[in-house]
Amino acid sequence: MIDRADAEAVIYRVAVSAFAYYPDKATKEPGYTVDEDVEWSLEPVSALDSAQTAELEDRIREAITSLACDRQGFIQYVLGLADA
């Protein structure tokens, strides 16, 4: 379980990253990778086990890069980690 404030920090960081992301960002901004945004978004939640971290990492990457992502579902998932 994670702290509610940490869950909200993850959601905020993902929102900032998703807002700034565009498909050819790596081409127009040499050295950029979505992995740096994923790592930054995960920083507040170091207390998760490896399976939870891997799942959250995948969901963060999708929330940043996919226009089709269910972001409301993502938010519920992250907040659910705090409520567990």
N, C-alpha and C. Protein backbone atom coordinates (compact mmCIF):
# COMPACT_ATOMS: atom_id res chain seq x y z
N MET A 1 0.84 -1.18 0.00
CA MET A 1 0.00 0.00 0.00
C MET A 1 0.89 1.24 0.00
N ILE A 2 0.41 2.27 -0.67
CA ILE A 2 1.15 3.52 -0.72
C ILE A 2 0.32 4.62 -0.07
N ASP A 3 0.97 5.69 0.28
CA ASP A 3 0.31 6.84 0.87
C ASP A 3 -0.54 7.56 -0.18
N ARG A 4 -1.68 8.08 0.22
CA ARG A 4 -2.58 8.78 -0.71
C ARG A 4 -1.87 9.97 -1.38
N ALA A 5 -1.07 10.69 -0.64
CA ALA A 5 -0.35 11.83 -1.21
C ALA A 5 0.63 11.38 -2.29
N ASP A 6 1.26 10.22 -2.08
CA ASP A 6 2.17 9.69 -3.09
C ASP A 6 1.41 9.26 -4.34
N ALA A 7 0.23 8.67 -4.16
CA ALA A 7 -0.59 8.29 -5.30
C ALA A 7 -0.99 9.53 -6.10
N GLU A 8 -1.36 10.58 -5.41
CA GLU A 8 -1.73 11.82 -6.09
C GLU A 8 -0.54 12.44 -6.80
N ALA A 9 0.66 12.30 -6.23
CA ALA A 9 1.87 12.80 -6.88
C ALA A 9 2.14 12.05 -8.18
N VAL A 10 1.91 10.74 -8.17
CA VAL A 10 2.08 9.94 -9.39
C VAL A 10 1.11 10.43 -10.46
N ILE A 11 -0.14 10.61 -10.08
CA ILE A 11 -1.16 11.06 -11.03
C ILE A 11 -0.77 12.42 -11.60
N TYR A 12 -0.33 13.33 -10.76
CA TYR A 12 0.08 14.65 -11.23
C TYR A 12 1.24 14.55 -12.22
N ARG A 13 2.25 13.76 -11.88
CA ARG A 13 3.42 13.64 -12.75
C ARG A 13 3.06 13.01 -14.09
N VAL A 14 2.19 12.03 -14.07
CA VAL A 14 1.74 11.41 -15.32
C VAL A 14 0.97 12.43 -16.16
N ALA A 15 0.14 13.22 -15.52
CA ALA A 15 -0.62 14.23 -16.24
C ALA A 15 0.30 15.24 -16.92
N VAL A 16 1.31 15.70 -16.20
CA VAL A 16 2.27 16.64 -16.78
C VAL A 16 2.99 16.00 -17.96
N SER A 17 3.43 14.77 -17.77
CA SER A 17 4.15 14.06 -18.84
C SER A 17 3.27 13.82 -20.05
N ALA A 18 2.02 13.43 -19.83
CA ALA A 18 1.10 13.18 -20.94
C ALA A 18 0.78 14.46 -21.69
N PHE A 19 0.65 15.56 -20.97
CA PHE A 19 0.36 16.84 -21.60
C PHE A 19 1.51 17.28 -22.50
N ALA A 20 2.74 17.00 -22.09
CA ALA A 20 3.93 17.43 -22.84
C ALA A 20 4.35 16.45 -23.92
N TYR A 21 3.77 15.26 -23.93
CA TYR A 21 4.17 14.21 -24.87
C TYR A 21 3.52 14.40 -26.23
N TYR A 22 4.26 14.10 -27.28
CA TYR A 22 3.72 14.00 -28.62
C TYR A 22 4.51 12.89 -29.33
N PRO A 23 3.90 12.22 -30.31
CA PRO A 23 4.49 11.01 -30.89
C PRO A 23 5.93 11.14 -31.38
N ASP A 24 6.32 12.24 -31.97
CA ASP A 24 7.70 12.33 -32.46
C ASP A 24 8.60 13.18 -31.56
N LYS A 25 8.27 13.22 -30.28
CA LYS A 25 9.05 14.01 -29.32
C LYS A 25 10.51 13.56 -29.28
N ALA A 26 10.76 12.27 -29.35
CA ALA A 26 12.14 11.76 -29.30
C ALA A 26 12.95 12.24 -30.50
N THR A 27 12.30 12.45 -31.63
CA THR A 27 12.98 12.94 -32.82
C THR A 27 13.26 14.44 -32.71
N LYS A 28 12.30 15.17 -32.22
CA LYS A 28 12.45 16.62 -32.14
C LYS A 28 13.23 17.08 -30.91
N GLU A 29 13.31 16.23 -29.91
CA GLU A 29 14.07 16.53 -28.70
C GLU A 29 15.08 15.40 -28.49
N PRO A 30 16.24 15.51 -29.14
CA PRO A 30 17.25 14.45 -29.05
C PRO A 30 17.59 14.10 -27.60
N GLY A 31 17.65 12.80 -27.35
CA GLY A 31 17.97 12.32 -26.00
C GLY A 31 16.74 12.01 -25.17
N TYR A 32 15.57 12.51 -25.58
CA TYR A 32 14.35 12.24 -24.82
C TYR A 32 13.92 10.80 -25.03
N THR A 33 13.50 10.16 -23.96
CA THR A 33 12.80 8.88 -24.05
C THR A 33 11.62 8.93 -23.09
N VAL A 34 10.57 8.23 -23.41
CA VAL A 34 9.42 8.18 -22.53
C VAL A 34 9.81 7.54 -21.19
N ASP A 35 10.86 6.73 -21.20
CA ASP A 35 11.31 6.08 -19.97
C ASP A 35 11.67 7.09 -18.88
N GLU A 36 12.22 8.24 -19.28
CA GLU A 36 12.57 9.24 -18.27
C GLU A 36 11.31 9.81 -17.62
N ASP A 37 10.23 9.95 -18.38
CA ASP A 37 8.97 10.40 -17.80
C ASP A 37 8.36 9.33 -16.91
N VAL A 38 8.48 8.08 -17.32
CA VAL A 38 7.96 6.97 -16.51
C VAL A 38 8.72 6.90 -15.19
N GLU A 39 10.03 6.98 -15.24
CA GLU A 39 10.85 6.94 -14.02
C GLU A 39 10.51 8.10 -13.09
N TRP A 40 10.36 9.29 -13.64
CA TRP A 40 10.02 10.46 -12.84
C TRP A 40 8.65 10.27 -12.18
N SER A 41 7.71 9.70 -12.92
CA SER A 41 6.37 9.48 -12.39
C SER A 41 6.35 8.44 -11.28
N LEU A 42 7.27 7.48 -11.33
CA LEU A 42 7.33 6.42 -10.32
C LEU A 42 8.07 6.83 -9.04
N GLU A 43 8.82 7.91 -9.08
CA GLU A 43 9.64 8.30 -7.92
C GLU A 43 8.89 8.33 -6.58
N PRO A 44 7.67 8.84 -6.52
CA PRO A 44 7.01 8.92 -5.21
C PRO A 44 6.59 7.58 -4.60
N VAL A 45 6.64 6.49 -5.37
CA VAL A 45 6.08 5.22 -4.87
C VAL A 45 7.13 4.11 -4.82
N SER A 46 8.14 4.30 -4.06
CA SER A 46 9.20 3.29 -3.96
C SER A 46 8.80 2.10 -3.08
N ALA A 47 7.68 2.19 -2.38
CA ALA A 47 7.27 1.14 -1.45
C ALA A 47 6.56 -0.04 -2.11
N LEU A 48 6.30 0.04 -3.40
CA LEU A 48 5.60 -1.05 -4.09
C LEU A 48 6.52 -2.24 -4.32
N ASP A 49 5.93 -3.44 -4.35
CA ASP A 49 6.74 -4.60 -4.68
C ASP A 49 7.01 -4.61 -6.19
N SER A 50 7.87 -5.50 -6.63
CA SER A 50 8.31 -5.48 -8.04
C SER A 50 7.16 -5.75 -9.01
N ALA A 51 6.23 -6.61 -8.67
CA ALA A 51 5.10 -6.90 -9.56
C ALA A 51 4.20 -5.67 -9.69
N GLN A 52 3.92 -5.00 -8.58
CA GLN A 52 3.09 -3.79 -8.61
C GLN A 52 3.80 -2.67 -9.38
N THR A 53 5.10 -2.56 -9.17
CA THR A 53 5.88 -1.53 -9.87
C THR A 53 5.84 -1.77 -11.36
N ALA A 54 6.01 -3.01 -11.79
CA ALA A 54 5.98 -3.34 -13.22
C ALA A 54 4.62 -3.03 -13.82
N GLU A 55 3.55 -3.38 -13.12
CA GLU A 55 2.19 -3.10 -13.60
C GLU A 55 1.97 -1.59 -13.70
N LEU A 56 2.36 -0.86 -12.67
CA LEU A 56 2.18 0.59 -12.67
C LEU A 56 3.02 1.24 -13.77
N GLU A 57 4.22 0.75 -13.96
CA GLU A 57 5.08 1.27 -15.02
C GLU A 57 4.42 1.13 -16.39
N ASP A 58 3.84 -0.03 -16.66
CA ASP A 58 3.14 -0.25 -17.93
C ASP A 58 1.94 0.69 -18.09
N ARG A 59 1.20 0.87 -17.00
CA ARG A 59 0.03 1.74 -17.05
C ARG A 59 0.43 3.21 -17.22
N ILE A 60 1.52 3.60 -16.58
CA ILE A 60 2.02 4.97 -16.73
C ILE A 60 2.43 5.22 -18.17
N ARG A 61 3.20 4.29 -18.75
CA ARG A 61 3.65 4.45 -20.13
C ARG A 61 2.45 4.60 -21.08
N GLU A 62 1.43 3.78 -20.87
CA GLU A 62 0.24 3.86 -21.71
C GLU A 62 -0.49 5.19 -21.50
N ALA A 63 -0.61 5.64 -20.26
CA ALA A 63 -1.30 6.90 -19.98
C ALA A 63 -0.58 8.09 -20.61
N ILE A 64 0.73 8.02 -20.69
CA ILE A 64 1.51 9.11 -21.29
C ILE A 64 1.41 9.08 -22.80
N THR A 65 1.51 7.90 -23.40
CA THR A 65 1.69 7.81 -24.85
C THR A 65 0.44 7.52 -25.67
N SER A 66 -0.60 7.00 -25.05
CA SER A 66 -1.76 6.55 -25.81
C SER A 66 -2.96 7.49 -25.65
N LEU A 67 -3.41 8.04 -26.76
CA LEU A 67 -4.61 8.88 -26.72
C LEU A 67 -5.85 8.06 -26.37
N ALA A 68 -5.80 6.77 -26.63
CA ALA A 68 -6.93 5.89 -26.38
C ALA A 68 -6.98 5.38 -24.94
N CYS A 69 -5.99 5.74 -24.14
CA CYS A 69 -5.92 5.25 -22.76
C CYS A 69 -7.11 5.74 -21.95
N ASP A 70 -7.64 4.85 -21.12
CA ASP A 70 -8.71 5.21 -20.19
C ASP A 70 -8.06 5.88 -18.98
N ARG A 71 -7.90 7.18 -19.04
CA ARG A 71 -7.18 7.89 -17.97
C ARG A 71 -7.96 7.89 -16.66
N GLN A 72 -9.27 7.87 -16.75
CA GLN A 72 -10.07 7.78 -15.53
C GLN A 72 -9.81 6.42 -14.85
N GLY A 73 -9.72 5.37 -15.64
CA GLY A 73 -9.38 4.05 -15.10
C GLY A 73 -7.99 4.04 -14.50
N PHE A 74 -7.05 4.75 -15.14
CA PHE A 74 -5.69 4.86 -14.61
C PHE A 74 -5.70 5.53 -13.24
N ILE A 75 -6.43 6.61 -13.13
CA ILE A 75 -6.51 7.34 -11.85
C ILE A 75 -7.10 6.44 -10.78
N GLN A 76 -8.17 5.72 -11.10
CA GLN A 76 -8.78 4.81 -10.13
C GLN A 76 -7.80 3.72 -9.72
N TYR A 77 -7.04 3.21 -10.67
CA TYR A 77 -6.05 2.17 -10.35
C TYR A 77 -5.01 2.71 -9.36
N VAL A 78 -4.47 3.87 -9.65
CA VAL A 78 -3.43 4.44 -8.78
C VAL A 78 -3.99 4.75 -7.39
N LEU A 79 -5.16 5.35 -7.34
CA LEU A 79 -5.76 5.63 -6.03
C LEU A 79 -6.10 4.34 -5.29
N GLY A 80 -6.42 3.28 -6.04
CA GLY A 80 -6.68 1.99 -5.43
C GLY A 80 -5.46 1.40 -4.75
N LEU A 81 -4.28 1.74 -5.24
CA LEU A 81 -3.05 1.29 -4.58
C LEU A 81 -2.91 1.92 -3.20
N ALA A 82 -3.46 3.11 -3.03
CA ALA A 82 -3.40 3.77 -1.73
C ALA A 82 -4.48 3.26 -0.79
N ASP A 83 -5.58 2.81 -1.34
CA ASP A 83 -6.69 2.35 -0.52
C ASP A 83 -6.59 0.88 -0.13
N ALA A 84 -5.69 0.15 -0.79
CA ALA A 84 -5.58 -1.30 -0.55
C ALA A 84 -5.15 -1.61 0.85
